[in-house]
Amino acid sequence: MIALRLQGFSYPEIATRVGCSVRTVQRYVRHVQPRLHIPTAGDQLTVDAGQLRATLLKKFVGDLFHDRALRQLTLTWKQVSRDSYDAIFGGPVSTRFMVEAERLFQVALREMGSEMLQLLGNDATTQQRFVWDTIGAPRTDYERWLYIKQNWGSGFNETGEDWRPRRERSVQESKEVDDLWRRHGEFGG
């Protein structure tokens, strides 16, 4: 079972080959990670590069949209009486942020060759690193923007959903948020 797992077979495939239940296979090899196959020049891609890019893009954007940590940052106001509102956290991630993330994913995937795409498609750790390398800075900026606007915003209904990528903001606007965040850190925020 271990040899099959190291070759990259799934639990159901191993169970079929050795004639036992999937649960038994999981119990015996749950800590065994399949070895990553690094393609050589003679290997043929099993999936078209364009199709793989589309599949990976859909996965990354979908995972980001459903990211619980990001969704918990989203603030909306619900009117509970004529003059009273409650803040509710847990709504969908900002459309502006999602559009920027999708754009950055598309650019990064377009720059990859077919071999790297194949590796990216087969390895969860590489996928996590790719996502962080691609949208880590904008995500951190988005999280900080929301925090600053929701806690120190200028208006009653400030939700922070007016976030825009740094390239679309004035230098002064970005500097104000950065300064507030720095002060937040200095006071143990």
C-alpha atoms as a PDB file:
ATOM      1  CA  MET A   1       0.000   0.000   0.000  1.00  0.00           C
ATOM      2  CA  ILE A   2       2.812   2.399   0.853  1.00  0.00           C
ATOM      3  CA  ALA A   3       4.538   1.750  -2.473  1.00  0.00           C
ATOM      4  CA  LEU A   4       1.319   2.481  -4.377  1.00  0.00           C
ATOM      5  CA  ARG A   5       0.712   5.656  -2.362  1.00  0.00           C
ATOM      6  CA  LEU A   6       4.245   6.871  -3.057  1.00  0.00           C
ATOM      7  CA  GLN A   7       3.560   6.331  -6.753  1.00  0.00           C
ATOM      8  CA  GLY A   8       0.631   8.739  -6.480  1.00  0.00           C
ATOM      9  CA  PHE A   9      -2.332   6.369  -6.405  1.00  0.00           C
ATOM     10  CA  SER A  10      -5.449   7.566  -4.591  1.00  0.00           C
ATOM     11  CA  TYR A  11      -6.948   5.714  -1.621  1.00  0.00           C
ATOM     12  CA  PRO A  12      -9.779   4.170  -3.708  1.00  0.00           C
ATOM     13  CA  GLU A  13      -7.294   3.025  -6.386  1.00  0.00           C
ATOM     14  CA  ILE A  14      -5.084   1.374  -3.759  1.00  0.00           C
ATOM     15  CA  ALA A  15      -8.096  -0.291  -2.104  1.00  0.00           C
ATOM     16  CA  THR A  16      -9.155  -1.783  -5.445  1.00  0.00           C
ATOM     17  CA  ARG A  17      -5.660  -3.047  -6.215  1.00  0.00           C
ATOM     18  CA  VAL A  18      -5.033  -4.707  -2.853  1.00  0.00           C
ATOM     19  CA  GLY A  19      -8.603  -5.857  -2.210  1.00  0.00           C
ATOM     20  CA  CYS A  20      -9.516  -4.028   0.966  1.00  0.00           C
ATOM     21  CA  SER A  21     -11.666  -1.083   2.022  1.00  0.00           C
ATOM     22  CA  VAL A  22     -10.735   2.551   1.449  1.00  0.00           C
ATOM     23  CA  ARG A  23     -10.863   3.097   5.209  1.00  0.00           C
ATOM     24  CA  THR A  24      -8.244   0.392   5.761  1.00  0.00           C
ATOM     25  CA  VAL A  25      -5.971   2.010   3.179  1.00  0.00           C
ATOM     26  CA  GLN A  26      -6.424   5.413   4.828  1.00  0.00           C
ATOM     27  CA  ARG A  27      -5.555   3.953   8.223  1.00  0.00           C
ATOM     28  CA  TYR A  28      -2.321   2.410   6.943  1.00  0.00           C
ATOM     29  CA  VAL A  29      -1.038   5.158   4.638  1.00  0.00           C
ATOM     30  CA  ARG A  30      -2.629   8.412   5.838  1.00  0.00           C
ATOM     31  CA  HIS A  31       0.780   9.869   6.727  1.00  0.00           C
ATOM     32  CA  VAL A  32       2.418   8.842   3.466  1.00  0.00           C
ATOM     33  CA  GLN A  33       2.568  11.640   0.906  1.00  0.00           C
ATOM     34  CA  PRO A  34       2.723  10.775  -2.789  1.00  0.00           C
ATOM     35  CA  ARG A  35       6.027  11.697  -4.361  1.00  0.00           C
ATOM     36  CA  LEU A  36       5.829  14.597  -6.735  1.00  0.00           C
ATOM     37  CA  HIS A  37       6.535  13.567 -10.299  1.00  0.00           C
ATOM     38  CA  ILE A  38       8.694  16.158 -12.004  1.00  0.00           C
ATOM     39  CA  PRO A  39       8.083  16.007 -15.734  1.00  0.00           C
ATOM     40  CA  THR A  40      11.025  15.564 -18.047  1.00  0.00           C
ATOM     41  CA  ALA A  41      11.430  16.929 -21.554  1.00  0.00           C
ATOM     42  CA  GLY A  42       9.990  13.741 -23.102  1.00  0.00           C
ATOM     43  CA  ASP A  43       6.814  13.672 -20.964  1.00  0.00           C
ATOM     44  CA  GLN A  44       3.547  14.550 -22.640  1.00  0.00           C
ATOM     45  CA  LEU A  45       1.096  16.870 -20.934  1.00  0.00           C
ATOM     46  CA  THR A  46      -2.110  15.068 -20.119  1.00  0.00           C
ATOM     47  CA  VAL A  47      -4.067  18.325 -20.044  1.00  0.00           C
ATOM     48  CA  ASP A  48      -4.023  21.249 -22.442  1.00  0.00           C
ATOM     49  CA  ALA A  49      -2.166  24.231 -20.886  1.00  0.00           C
ATOM     50  CA  GLY A  50      -5.051  26.619 -21.634  1.00  0.00           C
ATOM     51  CA  GLN A  51      -7.543  24.281 -20.016  1.00  0.00           C
ATOM     52  CA  LEU A  52      -5.276  23.849 -16.998  1.00  0.00           C
ATOM     53  CA  ARG A  53      -4.946  27.637 -16.640  1.00  0.00           C
ATOM     54  CA  ALA A  54      -8.745  27.980 -16.718  1.00  0.00           C
ATOM     55  CA  THR A  55      -9.194  25.190 -14.166  1.00  0.00           C
ATOM     56  CA  LEU A  56      -6.598  26.636 -11.796  1.00  0.00           C
ATOM     57  CA  LEU A  57      -8.025  30.152 -12.141  1.00  0.00           C
ATOM     58  CA  LYS A  58     -11.511  28.886 -11.295  1.00  0.00           C
ATOM     59  CA  LYS A  59     -10.155  27.009  -8.258  1.00  0.00           C
ATOM     60  CA  PHE A  60      -8.120  29.930  -6.913  1.00  0.00           C
ATOM     61  CA  VAL A  61     -10.907  32.500  -7.349  1.00  0.00           C
ATOM     62  CA  GLY A  62     -13.487  30.110  -5.864  1.00  0.00           C
ATOM     63  CA  ASP A  63     -11.299  29.324  -2.854  1.00  0.00           C
ATOM     64  CA  LEU A  64     -10.728  33.033  -2.277  1.00  0.00           C
ATOM     65  CA  PHE A  65     -14.441  33.834  -2.542  1.00  0.00           C
ATOM     66  CA  HIS A  66     -15.248  31.190   0.074  1.00  0.00           C
ATOM     67  CA  ASP A  67     -12.315  32.067   2.358  1.00  0.00           C
ATOM     68  CA  ARG A  68     -13.871  32.262   5.837  1.00  0.00           C
ATOM     69  CA  ALA A  69     -11.229  34.657   7.187  1.00  0.00           C
ATOM     70  CA  LEU A  70     -11.917  37.178   4.423  1.00  0.00           C
ATOM     71  CA  ARG A  71     -15.690  36.798   4.687  1.00  0.00           C
ATOM     72  CA  GLN A  72     -15.532  37.512   8.425  1.00  0.00           C
ATOM     73  CA  LEU A  73     -13.999  40.910   7.660  1.00  0.00           C
ATOM     74  CA  THR A  74     -16.932  42.063   5.554  1.00  0.00           C
ATOM     75  CA  LEU A  75     -19.186  44.473   7.440  1.00  0.00           C
ATOM     76  CA  THR A  76     -22.738  45.326   6.455  1.00  0.00           C
ATOM     77  CA  TRP A  77     -25.329  47.376   8.289  1.00  0.00           C
ATOM     78  CA  LYS A  78     -28.781  45.962   8.977  1.00  0.00           C
ATOM     79  CA  GLN A  79     -31.550  48.308  10.024  1.00  0.00           C
ATOM     80  CA  VAL A  80     -33.270  46.909  13.120  1.00  0.00           C
ATOM     81  CA  SER A  81     -35.534  49.870  13.825  1.00  0.00           C
ATOM     82  CA  ARG A  82     -36.205  53.292  12.400  1.00  0.00           C
ATOM     83  CA  ASP A  83     -33.076  54.832  13.948  1.00  0.00           C
ATOM     84  CA  SER A  84     -31.043  51.775  14.860  1.00  0.00           C
ATOM     85  CA  TYR A  85     -28.589  49.679  12.871  1.00  0.00           C
ATOM     86  CA  ASP A  86     -26.624  46.567  13.738  1.00  0.00           C
ATOM     87  CA  ALA A  87     -23.211  45.777  12.287  1.00  0.00           C
ATOM     88  CA  ILE A  88     -23.131  42.306  10.775  1.00  0.00           C
ATOM     89  CA  PHE A  89     -19.899  40.603   9.802  1.00  0.00           C
ATOM     90  CA  GLY A  90     -19.641  37.658   7.435  1.00  0.00           C
ATOM     91  CA  GLY A  91     -20.849  38.846   4.069  1.00  0.00           C
ATOM     92  CA  PRO A  92     -19.277  38.212   0.688  1.00  0.00           C
ATOM     93  CA  VAL A  93     -15.792  39.456  -0.121  1.00  0.00           C
ATOM     94  CA  SER A  94     -15.601  42.795  -1.929  1.00  0.00           C
ATOM     95  CA  THR A  95     -16.215  42.535  -5.659  1.00  0.00           C
ATOM     96  CA  ARG A  96     -13.386  45.003  -6.288  1.00  0.00           C
ATOM     97  CA  PHE A  97     -10.970  42.804  -4.375  1.00  0.00           C
ATOM     98  CA  MET A  98     -12.150  39.672  -6.194  1.00  0.00           C
ATOM     99  CA  VAL A  99     -11.743  41.362  -9.600  1.00  0.00           C
ATOM    100  CA  GLU A 100      -8.209  42.457  -8.714  1.00  0.00           C
ATOM    101  CA  ALA A 101      -7.320  38.980  -7.432  1.00  0.00           C
ATOM    102  CA  GLU A 102      -8.670  37.370 -10.610  1.00  0.00           C
ATOM    103  CA  ARG A 103      -6.651  39.785 -12.747  1.00  0.00           C
ATOM    104  CA  LEU A 104      -3.462  38.998 -10.824  1.00  0.00           C
ATOM    105  CA  PHE A 105      -4.087  35.233 -11.042  1.00  0.00           C
ATOM    106  CA  GLN A 106      -4.643  35.500 -14.807  1.00  0.00           C
ATOM    107  CA  VAL A 107      -1.402  37.414 -15.321  1.00  0.00           C
ATOM    108  CA  ALA A 108       0.633  35.002 -13.189  1.00  0.00           C
ATOM    109  CA  LEU A 109      -0.845  31.886 -14.827  1.00  0.00           C
ATOM    110  CA  ARG A 110      -0.338  33.339 -18.318  1.00  0.00           C
ATOM    111  CA  GLU A 111       3.370  33.793 -17.575  1.00  0.00           C
ATOM    112  CA  MET A 112       3.815  30.120 -16.602  1.00  0.00           C
ATOM    113  CA  GLY A 113       5.044  27.468 -18.965  1.00  0.00           C
ATOM    114  CA  SER A 114       3.262  24.153 -19.363  1.00  0.00           C
ATOM    115  CA  GLU A 115       5.676  22.276 -17.077  1.00  0.00           C
ATOM    116  CA  MET A 116       5.149  24.647 -14.169  1.00  0.00           C
ATOM    117  CA  LEU A 117       1.404  24.614 -14.769  1.00  0.00           C
ATOM    118  CA  GLN A 118       1.449  20.823 -14.511  1.00  0.00           C
ATOM    119  CA  LEU A 119       3.373  20.981 -11.235  1.00  0.00           C
ATOM    120  CA  LEU A 120       1.058  23.670  -9.887  1.00  0.00           C
ATOM    121  CA  GLY A 121      -1.970  21.589 -10.776  1.00  0.00           C
ATOM    122  CA  ASN A 122      -0.658  18.553  -8.905  1.00  0.00           C
ATOM    123  CA  ASP A 123       0.759  19.968  -5.678  1.00  0.00           C
ATOM    124  CA  ALA A 124      -1.283  21.651  -2.928  1.00  0.00           C
ATOM    125  CA  THR A 125       1.745  23.210  -1.227  1.00  0.00           C
ATOM    126  CA  THR A 126       2.867  24.816  -4.477  1.00  0.00           C
ATOM    127  CA  GLN A 127      -0.687  26.100  -4.986  1.00  0.00           C
ATOM    128  CA  GLN A 128      -0.702  27.726  -1.531  1.00  0.00           C
ATOM    129  CA  ARG A 129       2.628  29.399  -2.211  1.00  0.00           C
ATOM    130  CA  PHE A 130       1.463  30.546  -5.641  1.00  0.00           C
ATOM    131  CA  VAL A 131      -1.681  32.124  -4.169  1.00  0.00           C
ATOM    132  CA  TRP A 132       0.289  33.915  -1.457  1.00  0.00           C
ATOM    133  CA  ASP A 133       2.988  35.095  -3.893  1.00  0.00           C
ATOM    134  CA  THR A 134       0.335  36.347  -6.302  1.00  0.00           C
ATOM    135  CA  ILE A 135      -2.173  38.082  -4.024  1.00  0.00           C
ATOM    136  CA  GLY A 136      -0.511  38.232  -0.608  1.00  0.00           C
ATOM    137  CA  ALA A 137       0.275  41.951  -0.752  1.00  0.00           C
ATOM    138  CA  PRO A 138      -3.146  43.031  -2.112  1.00  0.00           C
ATOM    139  CA  ARG A 139      -4.886  40.763   0.409  1.00  0.00           C
ATOM    140  CA  THR A 140      -2.942  42.287   3.304  1.00  0.00           C
ATOM    141  CA  ASP A 141      -3.730  45.753   1.953  1.00  0.00           C
ATOM    142  CA  TYR A 142      -7.431  44.840   1.677  1.00  0.00           C
ATOM    143  CA  GLU A 143      -7.534  43.481   5.240  1.00  0.00           C
ATOM    144  CA  ARG A 144      -5.818  46.577   6.613  1.00  0.00           C
ATOM    145  CA  TRP A 145      -8.096  48.894   4.613  1.00  0.00           C
ATOM    146  CA  LEU A 146     -11.203  47.200   5.993  1.00  0.00           C
ATOM    147  CA  TYR A 147      -9.927  47.352   9.557  1.00  0.00           C
ATOM    148  CA  ILE A 148      -8.955  51.005   9.350  1.00  0.00           C
ATOM    149  CA  LYS A 149     -12.146  52.134   7.600  1.00  0.00           C
ATOM    150  CA  GLN A 150     -14.429  50.118   9.876  1.00  0.00           C
ATOM    151  CA  ASN A 151     -12.749  51.302  13.077  1.00  0.00           C
ATOM    152  CA  TRP A 152     -11.632  54.813  12.215  1.00  0.00           C
ATOM    153  CA  GLY A 153     -13.694  55.668   9.154  1.00  0.00           C
ATOM    154  CA  SER A 154     -15.114  59.106   8.614  1.00  0.00           C
ATOM    155  CA  GLY A 155     -18.773  58.137   8.191  1.00  0.00           C
ATOM    156  CA  PHE A 156     -21.409  56.259  10.210  1.00  0.00           C
ATOM    157  CA  ASN A 157     -21.978  53.608   7.571  1.00  0.00           C
ATOM    158  CA  GLU A 158     -18.286  53.130   6.746  1.00  0.00           C
ATOM    159  CA  THR A 159     -17.784  49.473   5.811  1.00  0.00           C
ATOM    160  CA  GLY A 160     -14.466  49.643   3.987  1.00  0.00           C
ATOM    161  CA  GLU A 161     -16.022  48.218   0.851  1.00  0.00           C
ATOM    162  CA  ASP A 162     -14.700  51.194  -1.093  1.00  0.00           C
ATOM    163  CA  TRP A 163     -11.295  49.457  -1.265  1.00  0.00           C
ATOM    164  CA  ARG A 164      -9.400  49.864  -4.517  1.00  0.00           C
ATOM    165  CA  PRO A 165      -6.016  48.452  -5.534  1.00  0.00           C
ATOM    166  CA  ARG A 166      -3.078  50.691  -4.637  1.00  0.00           C
ATOM    167  CA  ARG A 167      -2.470  51.409  -8.321  1.00  0.00           C
ATOM    168  CA  GLU A 168      -5.934  53.064  -8.463  1.00  0.00           C
ATOM    169  CA  ARG A 169      -5.575  55.106  -5.272  1.00  0.00           C
ATOM    170  CA  SER A 170      -3.825  58.377  -4.715  1.00  0.00           C
ATOM    171  CA  VAL A 171      -0.502  58.271  -2.917  1.00  0.00           C
ATOM    172  CA  GLN A 172      -2.019  60.367  -0.133  1.00  0.00           C
ATOM    173  CA  GLU A 173      -4.928  57.974   0.365  1.00  0.00           C
ATOM    174  CA  SER A 174      -2.613  54.957   0.648  1.00  0.00           C
ATOM    175  CA  LYS A 175      -0.273  56.876   2.970  1.00  0.00           C
ATOM    176  CA  GLU A 176      -3.143  57.774   5.330  1.00  0.00           C
ATOM    177  CA  VAL A 177      -4.178  54.123   5.680  1.00  0.00           C
ATOM    178  CA  ASP A 178      -0.556  53.000   6.136  1.00  0.00           C
ATOM    179  CA  ASP A 179       0.007  55.657   8.820  1.00  0.00           C
ATOM    180  CA  LEU A 180      -3.166  54.682  10.688  1.00  0.00           C
ATOM    181  CA  TRP A 181      -2.175  51.019  10.513  1.00  0.00           C
ATOM    182  CA  ARG A 182       1.313  51.805  11.816  1.00  0.00           C
ATOM    183  CA  ARG A 183      -0.176  53.774  14.718  1.00  0.00           C
ATOM    184  CA  HIS A 184      -2.590  50.898  15.377  1.00  0.00           C
ATOM    185  CA  GLY A 185       0.403  48.567  15.719  1.00  0.00           C
ATOM    186  CA  GLU A 186       2.282  50.952  18.002  1.00  0.00           C
ATOM    187  CA  PHE A 187      -0.628  51.049  20.448  1.00  0.00           C
ATOM    188  CA  GLY A 188      -0.959  47.270  20.527  1.00  0.00           C
ATOM    189  CA  GLY A 189      -4.117  47.240  18.351  1.00  0.00           C
END
